[in-house]
Amino acid sequence: MVLLDGSTERKAENAAVVKAHTALQTLLTALKAATTRSEGVDAQELRLLGDFEAVEAKYGPLALKIVGMALNDQRDAAVQL
């Protein structure tokens, strides 16, 4: 996103990023619900899901912040994050 020059390109990429982030959140919620309903889920699978959720909770907002900064012509600051 920070490599795109045109405002139109950045807006289109922003829309794609937000859509993908929203889809990921929806699918992660569904996966968690399915996992808790399922009887055959072992401890390692639960741990891996928890790890994935932790990574997404930490880096998802950061990624959205970077995209927002790039959209608002704050390229240098976005790259520093």
Foldseek 3Di string as FASTA:
>chain_A
DLPDDDLVVLVVVLVVLVVVLVVVVVVLVVVVVVLVPDDPDDPVNVVVSVVVVVVCVVCVVLVNVLSVCSSVVNSVVSVVD
